[in-house]
Amino acid sequence: MSVLVTFGFVHGYRSGIGLVSSSLVLLNPLLTLLSLSAAGLGVAAVVADRPDRAPASPSAAPPAPPPAPARDPYPPA
């Protein structure tokens, strides 16, 4: 990407400002695509981290609550 910018600036210096602006126009869709894909990855990470989804593996599940205390089979009279 820096090669394209450097190429645009060198040739823009020799032949006027037109080639610099045309190289930036060529870079704009690429930068937009990169930013959108980065944003998409961020959204995917947030969606995957939602607590209302089932855990991916049993080891990621929270520990089970402790069992209820046993009731006395012979209550006091």
PDB file of N, CA and C in Angstrom:
ATOM      1  N   MET A   1       0.832  -1.181   0.000  1.00  0.00           N
ATOM      2  CA  MET A   1       0.000   0.000   0.000  1.00  0.00           C
ATOM      3  C   MET A   1       0.881   1.250   0.000  1.00  0.00           C
ATOM      4  N   SER A   2       1.958   1.231   0.784  1.00  0.00           N
ATOM      5  CA  SER A   2       2.838   2.401   0.806  1.00  0.00           C
ATOM      6  C   SER A   2       3.556   2.574  -0.534  1.00  0.00           C
ATOM      7  N   VAL A   3       3.750   1.460  -1.243  1.00  0.00           N
ATOM      8  CA  VAL A   3       4.388   1.560  -2.560  1.00  0.00           C
ATOM      9  C   VAL A   3       3.484   2.344  -3.503  1.00  0.00           C
ATOM     10  N   LEU A   4       2.194   2.073  -3.441  1.00  0.00           N
ATOM     11  CA  LEU A   4       1.253   2.789  -4.309  1.00  0.00           C
ATOM     12  C   LEU A   4       1.204   4.271  -3.966  1.00  0.00           C
ATOM     13  N   VAL A   5       1.218   4.590  -2.689  1.00  0.00           N
ATOM     14  CA  VAL A   5       1.205   6.004  -2.278  1.00  0.00           C
ATOM     15  C   VAL A   5       2.484   6.685  -2.732  1.00  0.00           C
ATOM     16  N   THR A   6       3.637   6.006  -2.520  1.00  0.00           N
ATOM     17  CA  THR A   6       4.923   6.583  -2.946  1.00  0.00           C
ATOM     18  C   THR A   6       4.940   6.788  -4.459  1.00  0.00           C
ATOM     19  N   PHE A   7       4.457   5.789  -5.191  1.00  0.00           N
ATOM     20  CA  PHE A   7       4.388   5.900  -6.646  1.00  0.00           C
ATOM     21  C   PHE A   7       3.528   7.105  -7.046  1.00  0.00           C
ATOM     22  N   GLY A   8       2.397   7.274  -6.383  1.00  0.00           N
ATOM     23  CA  GLY A   8       1.523   8.401  -6.695  1.00  0.00           C
ATOM     24  C   GLY A   8       2.175   9.735  -6.402  1.00  0.00           C
ATOM     25  N   PHE A   9       2.881   9.825  -5.283  1.00  0.00           N
ATOM     26  CA  PHE A   9       3.523  11.103  -4.946  1.00  0.00           C
ATOM     27  C   PHE A   9       4.681  11.419  -5.882  1.00  0.00           C
ATOM     28  N   VAL A  10       5.489  10.427  -6.240  1.00  0.00           N
ATOM     29  CA  VAL A  10       6.624  10.686  -7.142  1.00  0.00           C
ATOM     30  C   VAL A  10       6.121  11.131  -8.498  1.00  0.00           C
ATOM     31  N   HIS A  11       5.144  10.397  -9.051  1.00  0.00           N
ATOM     32  CA  HIS A  11       4.641  10.780 -10.366  1.00  0.00           C
ATOM     33  C   HIS A  11       3.773  12.035 -10.289  1.00  0.00           C
ATOM     34  N   GLY A  12       3.127  12.234  -9.144  1.00  0.00           N
ATOM     35  CA  GLY A  12       2.355  13.466  -8.983  1.00  0.00           C
ATOM     36  C   GLY A  12       3.258  14.685  -8.957  1.00  0.00           C
ATOM     37  N   TYR A  13       4.424  14.547  -8.348  1.00  0.00           N
ATOM     38  CA  TYR A  13       5.382  15.650  -8.315  1.00  0.00           C
ATOM     39  C   TYR A  13       5.857  15.967  -9.727  1.00  0.00           C
ATOM     40  N   ARG A  14       6.062  14.925 -10.543  1.00  0.00           N
ATOM     41  CA  ARG A  14       6.572  15.154 -11.895  1.00  0.00           C
ATOM     42  C   ARG A  14       5.489  15.684 -12.823  1.00  0.00           C
ATOM     43  N   SER A  15       4.283  15.179 -12.713  1.00  0.00           N
ATOM     44  CA  SER A  15       3.275  15.532 -13.723  1.00  0.00           C
ATOM     45  C   SER A  15       2.092  16.297 -13.152  1.00  0.00           C
ATOM     46  N   GLY A  16       2.206  16.819 -11.959  1.00  0.00           N
ATOM     47  CA  GLY A  16       1.124  17.608 -11.398  1.00  0.00           C
ATOM     48  C   GLY A  16       0.378  16.849 -10.314  1.00  0.00           C
ATOM     49  N   ILE A  17      -0.598  17.485  -9.749  1.00  0.00           N
ATOM     50  CA  ILE A  17      -1.304  16.954  -8.596  1.00  0.00           C
ATOM     51  C   ILE A  17      -2.311  15.869  -8.989  1.00  0.00           C
ATOM     52  N   GLY A  18      -2.606  15.739 -10.255  1.00  0.00           N
ATOM     53  CA  GLY A  18      -3.661  14.801 -10.693  1.00  0.00           C
ATOM     54  C   GLY A  18      -3.393  13.363 -10.332  1.00  0.00           C
ATOM     55  N   LEU A  19      -2.137  12.911 -10.483  1.00  0.00           N
ATOM     56  CA  LEU A  19      -1.850  11.505 -10.196  1.00  0.00           C
ATOM     57  C   LEU A  19      -1.874  11.210  -8.700  1.00  0.00           C
ATOM     58  N   VAL A  20      -1.542  12.184  -7.880  1.00  0.00           N
ATOM     59  CA  VAL A  20      -1.622  11.981  -6.433  1.00  0.00           C
ATOM     60  C   VAL A  20      -3.071  11.763  -6.035  1.00  0.00           C
ATOM     61  N   SER A  21      -3.951  12.596  -6.552  1.00  0.00           N
ATOM     62  CA  SER A  21      -5.360  12.445  -6.204  1.00  0.00           C
ATOM     63  C   SER A  21      -5.913  11.157  -6.778  1.00  0.00           C
ATOM     64  N   SER A  22      -5.453  10.738  -7.967  1.00  0.00           N
ATOM     65  CA  SER A  22      -5.962   9.488  -8.532  1.00  0.00           C
ATOM     66  C   SER A  22      -5.460   8.295  -7.728  1.00  0.00           C
ATOM     67  N   SER A  23      -4.237   8.358  -7.195  1.00  0.00           N
ATOM     68  CA  SER A  23      -3.761   7.242  -6.379  1.00  0.00           C
ATOM     69  C   SER A  23      -4.528   7.171  -5.069  1.00  0.00           C
ATOM     70  N   LEU A  24      -4.903   8.328  -4.521  1.00  0.00           N
ATOM     71  CA  LEU A  24      -5.698   8.325  -3.299  1.00  0.00           C
ATOM     72  C   LEU A  24      -7.113   7.810  -3.565  1.00  0.00           C
ATOM     73  N   VAL A  25      -7.633   8.094  -4.750  1.00  0.00           N
ATOM     74  CA  VAL A  25      -8.955   7.555  -5.116  1.00  0.00           C
ATOM     75  C   VAL A  25      -8.881   6.039  -5.233  1.00  0.00           C
ATOM     76  N   LEU A  26      -7.767   5.522  -5.733  1.00  0.00           N
ATOM     77  CA  LEU A  26      -7.604   4.068  -5.804  1.00  0.00           C
ATOM     78  C   LEU A  26      -7.469   3.451  -4.421  1.00  0.00           C
ATOM     79  N   LEU A  27      -6.853   4.164  -3.502  1.00  0.00           N
ATOM     80  CA  LEU A  27      -6.666   3.633  -2.151  1.00  0.00           C
ATOM     81  C   LEU A  27      -7.936   3.708  -1.311  1.00  0.00           C
ATOM     82  N   ASN A  28      -8.813   4.637  -1.615  1.00  0.00           N
ATOM     83  CA  ASN A  28      -9.990   4.846  -0.780  1.00  0.00           C
ATOM     84  C   ASN A  28     -10.865   3.600  -0.647  1.00  0.00           C
ATOM     85  N   PRO A  29     -11.218   2.884  -1.752  1.00  0.00           N
ATOM     86  CA  PRO A  29     -12.033   1.680  -1.573  1.00  0.00           C
ATOM     87  C   PRO A  29     -11.314   0.600  -0.763  1.00  0.00           C
ATOM     88  N   LEU A  30      -9.998   0.506  -0.933  1.00  0.00           N
ATOM     89  CA  LEU A  30      -9.245  -0.487  -0.173  1.00  0.00           C
ATOM     90  C   LEU A  30      -9.276  -0.173   1.316  1.00  0.00           C
ATOM     91  N   LEU A  31      -9.075   1.085   1.668  1.00  0.00           N
ATOM     92  CA  LEU A  31      -9.124   1.471   3.080  1.00  0.00           C
ATOM     93  C   LEU A  31     -10.523   1.303   3.657  1.00  0.00           C
ATOM     94  N   THR A  32     -11.531   1.597   2.853  1.00  0.00           N
ATOM     95  CA  THR A  32     -12.912   1.406   3.306  1.00  0.00           C
ATOM     96  C   THR A  32     -13.182  -0.064   3.565  1.00  0.00           C
ATOM     97  N   LEU A  33     -12.729  -0.913   2.648  1.00  0.00           N
ATOM     98  CA  LEU A  33     -12.929  -2.358   2.822  1.00  0.00           C
ATOM     99  C   LEU A  33     -12.223  -2.863   4.070  1.00  0.00           C
ATOM    100  N   LEU A  34     -11.002  -2.393   4.306  1.00  0.00           N
ATOM    101  CA  LEU A  34     -10.269  -2.815   5.496  1.00  0.00           C
ATOM    102  C   LEU A  34     -10.958  -2.357   6.777  1.00  0.00           C
ATOM    103  N   SER A  35     -11.461  -1.137   6.778  1.00  0.00           N
ATOM    104  CA  SER A  35     -12.125  -0.647   7.984  1.00  0.00           C
ATOM    105  C   SER A  35     -13.437  -1.381   8.223  1.00  0.00           C
ATOM    106  N   LEU A  36     -14.164  -1.693   7.155  1.00  0.00           N
ATOM    107  CA  LEU A  36     -15.419  -2.433   7.320  1.00  0.00           C
ATOM    108  C   LEU A  36     -15.167  -3.850   7.797  1.00  0.00           C
ATOM    109  N   SER A  37     -14.115  -4.491   7.284  1.00  0.00           N
ATOM    110  CA  SER A  37     -13.833  -5.853   7.738  1.00  0.00           C
ATOM    111  C   SER A  37     -13.376  -5.847   9.190  1.00  0.00           C
ATOM    112  N   ALA A  38     -12.625  -4.829   9.596  1.00  0.00           N
ATOM    113  CA  ALA A  38     -12.225  -4.735  11.004  1.00  0.00           C
ATOM    114  C   ALA A  38     -13.441  -4.493  11.885  1.00  0.00           C
ATOM    115  N   ALA A  39     -14.361  -3.654  11.418  1.00  0.00           N
ATOM    116  CA  ALA A  39     -15.585  -3.416  12.192  1.00  0.00           C
ATOM    117  C   ALA A  39     -16.418  -4.680  12.261  1.00  0.00           C
ATOM    118  N   GLY A  40     -16.465  -5.432  11.173  1.00  0.00           N
ATOM    119  CA  GLY A  40     -17.213  -6.687  11.171  1.00  0.00           C
ATOM    120  C   GLY A  40     -16.635  -7.691  12.149  1.00  0.00           C
ATOM    121  N   LEU A  41     -15.322  -7.751  12.227  1.00  0.00           N
ATOM    122  CA  LEU A  41     -14.699  -8.651  13.204  1.00  0.00           C
ATOM    123  C   LEU A  41     -15.003  -8.213  14.625  1.00  0.00           C
ATOM    124  N   GLY A  42     -15.039  -6.905  14.849  1.00  0.00           N
ATOM    125  CA  GLY A  42     -15.372  -6.409  16.183  1.00  0.00           C
ATOM    126  C   GLY A  42     -16.802  -6.766  16.571  1.00  0.00           C
ATOM    127  N   VAL A  43     -17.731  -6.632  15.629  1.00  0.00           N
ATOM    128  CA  VAL A  43     -19.126  -6.986  15.908  1.00  0.00           C
ATOM    129  C   VAL A  43     -19.251  -8.477  16.156  1.00  0.00           C
ATOM    130  N   ALA A  44     -18.538  -9.287  15.374  1.00  0.00           N
ATOM    131  CA  ALA A  44     -18.599 -10.734  15.571  1.00  0.00           C
ATOM    132  C   ALA A  44     -18.058 -11.123  16.941  1.00  0.00           C
ATOM    133  N   ALA A  45     -17.010 -10.442  17.389  1.00  0.00           N
ATOM    134  CA  ALA A  45     -16.454 -10.746  18.706  1.00  0.00           C
ATOM    135  C   ALA A  45     -17.424 -10.364  19.814  1.00  0.00           C
ATOM    136  N   VAL A  46     -18.117  -9.241  19.640  1.00  0.00           N
ATOM    137  CA  VAL A  46     -19.091  -8.824  20.662  1.00  0.00           C
ATOM    138  C   VAL A  46     -20.271  -9.776  20.695  1.00  0.00           C
ATOM    139  N   VAL A  47     -20.754 -10.203  19.523  1.00  0.00           N
ATOM    140  CA  VAL A  47     -21.892 -11.120  19.473  1.00  0.00           C
ATOM    141  C   VAL A  47     -21.508 -12.468  20.070  1.00  0.00           C
ATOM    142  N   ALA A  48     -20.291 -12.930  19.802  1.00  0.00           N
ATOM    143  CA  ALA A  48     -19.865 -14.223  20.339  1.00  0.00           C
ATOM    144  C   ALA A  48     -19.670 -14.171  21.847  1.00  0.00           C
ATOM    145  N   ASP A  49     -19.478 -12.979  22.398  1.00  0.00           N
ATOM    146  CA  ASP A  49     -19.216 -12.843  23.824  1.00  0.00           C
ATOM    147  C   ASP A  49     -20.487 -12.550  24.622  1.00  0.00           C
ATOM    148  N   ARG A  50     -21.634 -12.608  23.976  1.00  0.00           N
ATOM    149  CA  ARG A  50     -22.882 -12.311  24.698  1.00  0.00           C
ATOM    150  C   ARG A  50     -23.150 -13.377  25.754  1.00  0.00           C
ATOM    151  N   PRO A  51     -23.583 -12.982  26.954  1.00  0.00           N
ATOM    152  CA  PRO A  51     -23.780 -13.956  28.025  1.00  0.00           C
ATOM    153  C   PRO A  51     -25.028 -14.802  27.855  1.00  0.00           C
ATOM    154  N   ASP A  52     -25.980 -14.412  27.001  1.00  0.00           N
ATOM    155  CA  ASP A  52     -27.196 -15.202  26.873  1.00  0.00           C
ATOM    156  C   ASP A  52     -27.033 -16.386  25.930  1.00  0.00           C
ATOM    157  N   ARG A  53     -25.884 -16.541  25.330  1.00  0.00           N
ATOM    158  CA  ARG A  53     -25.637 -17.692  24.460  1.00  0.00           C
ATOM    159  C   ARG A  53     -25.076 -18.851  25.287  1.00  0.00           C
ATOM    160  N   ALA A  54     -25.339 -20.049  24.811  1.00  0.00           N
ATOM    161  CA  ALA A  54     -24.819 -21.233  25.505  1.00  0.00           C
ATOM    162  C   ALA A  54     -23.302 -21.279  25.358  1.00  0.00           C
ATOM    163  N   PRO A  55     -22.593 -21.742  26.380  1.00  0.00           N
ATOM    164  CA  PRO A  55     -21.133 -21.826  26.260  1.00  0.00           C
ATOM    165  C   PRO A  55     -20.733 -22.816  25.162  1.00  0.00           C
ATOM    166  N   ALA A  56     -19.593 -22.559  24.559  1.00  0.00           N
ATOM    167  CA  ALA A  56     -19.143 -23.375  23.439  1.00  0.00           C
ATOM    168  C   ALA A  56     -18.726 -24.767  23.879  1.00  0.00           C
ATOM    169  N   SER A  57     -18.175 -24.905  25.059  1.00  0.00           N
ATOM    170  CA  SER A  57     -17.727 -26.212  25.518  1.00  0.00           C
ATOM    171  C   SER A  57     -18.087 -26.388  26.992  1.00  0.00           C
ATOM    172  N   PRO A  58     -18.171 -27.636  27.447  1.00  0.00           N
ATOM    173  CA  PRO A  58     -18.521 -27.844  28.859  1.00  0.00           C
ATOM    174  C   PRO A  58     -17.493 -27.254  29.813  1.00  0.00           C
ATOM    175  N   SER A  59     -16.240 -27.178  29.398  1.00  0.00           N
ATOM    176  CA  SER A  59     -15.234 -26.623  30.297  1.00  0.00           C
ATOM    177  C   SER A  59     -15.432 -25.116  30.489  1.00  0.00           C
ATOM    178  N   ALA A  60     -16.117 -24.469  29.542  1.00  0.00           N
ATOM    179  CA  ALA A  60     -16.358 -23.034  29.659  1.00  0.00           C
ATOM    180  C   ALA A  60     -17.609 -22.738  30.485  1.00  0.00           C
ATOM    181  N   ALA A  61     -18.368 -23.776  30.833  1.00  0.00           N
ATOM    182  CA  ALA A  61     -19.595 -23.572  31.601  1.00  0.00           C
ATOM    183  C   ALA A  61     -19.253 -23.175  33.036  1.00  0.00           C
ATOM    184  N   PRO A  62     -20.095 -22.348  33.649  1.00  0.00           N
ATOM    185  CA  PRO A  62     -19.837 -21.989  35.050  1.00  0.00           C
ATOM    186  C   PRO A  62     -20.047 -23.210  35.952  1.00  0.00           C
ATOM    187  N   PRO A  63     -19.409 -23.236  37.102  1.00  0.00           N
ATOM    188  CA  PRO A  63     -19.562 -24.405  37.978  1.00  0.00           C
ATOM    189  C   PRO A  63     -21.004 -24.527  38.468  1.00  0.00           C
ATOM    190  N   ALA A  64     -21.413 -25.753  38.687  1.00  0.00           N
ATOM    191  CA  ALA A  64     -22.771 -26.017  39.153  1.00  0.00           C
ATOM    192  C   ALA A  64     -22.923 -25.510  40.592  1.00  0.00           C
ATOM    193  N   PRO A  65     -24.132 -25.090  40.967  1.00  0.00           N
ATOM    194  CA  PRO A  65     -24.327 -24.627  42.347  1.00  0.00           C
ATOM    195  C   PRO A  65     -24.168 -25.793  43.316  1.00  0.00           C
ATOM    196  N   PRO A  66     -23.800 -25.523  44.567  1.00  0.00           N
ATOM    197  CA  PRO A  66     -23.626 -26.619  45.527  1.00  0.00           C
ATOM    198  C   PRO A  66     -24.973 -27.302  45.806  1.00  0.00           C
ATOM    199  N   PRO A  67     -24.945 -28.576  46.123  1.00  0.00           N
ATOM    200  CA  PRO A  67     -26.211 -29.271  46.380  1.00  0.00           C
ATOM    201  C   PRO A  67     -26.885 -28.719  47.638  1.00  0.00           C
ATOM    202  N   ALA A  68     -28.195 -28.831  47.655  1.00  0.00           N
ATOM    203  CA  ALA A  68     -28.955 -28.361  48.813  1.00  0.00           C
ATOM    204  C   ALA A  68     -28.622 -29.240  50.015  1.00  0.00           C
ATOM    205  N   PRO A  69     -28.621 -28.671  51.223  1.00  0.00           N
ATOM    206  CA  PRO A  69     -28.317 -29.504  52.395  1.00  0.00           C
ATOM    207  C   PRO A  69     -29.388 -30.586  52.581  1.00  0.00           C
ATOM    208  N   ALA A  70     -28.938 -31.722  53.036  1.00  0.00           N
ATOM    209  CA  ALA A  70     -29.856 -32.854  53.231  1.00  0.00           C
ATOM    210  C   ALA A  70     -30.829 -32.537  54.367  1.00  0.00           C
ATOM    211  N   ARG A  71     -32.071 -32.952  54.174  1.00  0.00           N
ATOM    212  CA  ARG A  71     -33.081 -32.728  55.216  1.00  0.00           C
ATOM    213  C   ARG A  71     -32.983 -33.849  56.254  1.00  0.00           C
ATOM    214  N   ASP A  72     -33.257 -33.490  57.479  1.00  0.00           N
ATOM    215  CA  ASP A  72     -33.226 -34.475  58.562  1.00  0.00           C
ATOM    216  C   ASP A  72     -34.464 -35.371  58.429  1.00  0.00           C
ATOM    217  N   PRO A  73     -34.262 -36.714  58.260  1.00  0.00           N
ATOM    218  CA  PRO A  73     -35.430 -37.583  58.096  1.00  0.00           C
ATOM    219  C   PRO A  73     -36.261 -37.696  59.388  1.00  0.00           C
ATOM    220  N   TYR A  74     -35.660 -37.377  60.535  1.00  0.00           N
ATOM    221  CA  TYR A  74     -36.380 -37.459  61.814  1.00  0.00           C
ATOM    222  C   TYR A  74     -36.433 -36.064  62.425  1.00  0.00           C
ATOM    223  N   PRO A  75     -37.438 -35.274  62.068  1.00  0.00           N
ATOM    224  CA  PRO A  75     -37.508 -33.931  62.643  1.00  0.00           C
ATOM    225  C   PRO A  75     -37.768 -34.005  64.147  1.00  0.00           C
ATOM    226  N   PRO A  76     -37.344 -32.976  64.888  1.00  0.00           N
ATOM    227  CA  PRO A  76     -37.592 -33.010  66.339  1.00  0.00           C
ATOM    228  C   PRO A  76     -39.100 -32.968  66.632  1.00  0.00           C
ATOM    229  N   ALA A  77     -39.479 -33.653  67.687  1.00  0.00           N
ATOM    230  CA  ALA A  77     -40.901 -33.756  68.027  1.00  0.00           C
ATOM    231  C   ALA A  77     -41.411 -32.531  68.742  1.00  0.00           C
TER     232      ALA A  77
END
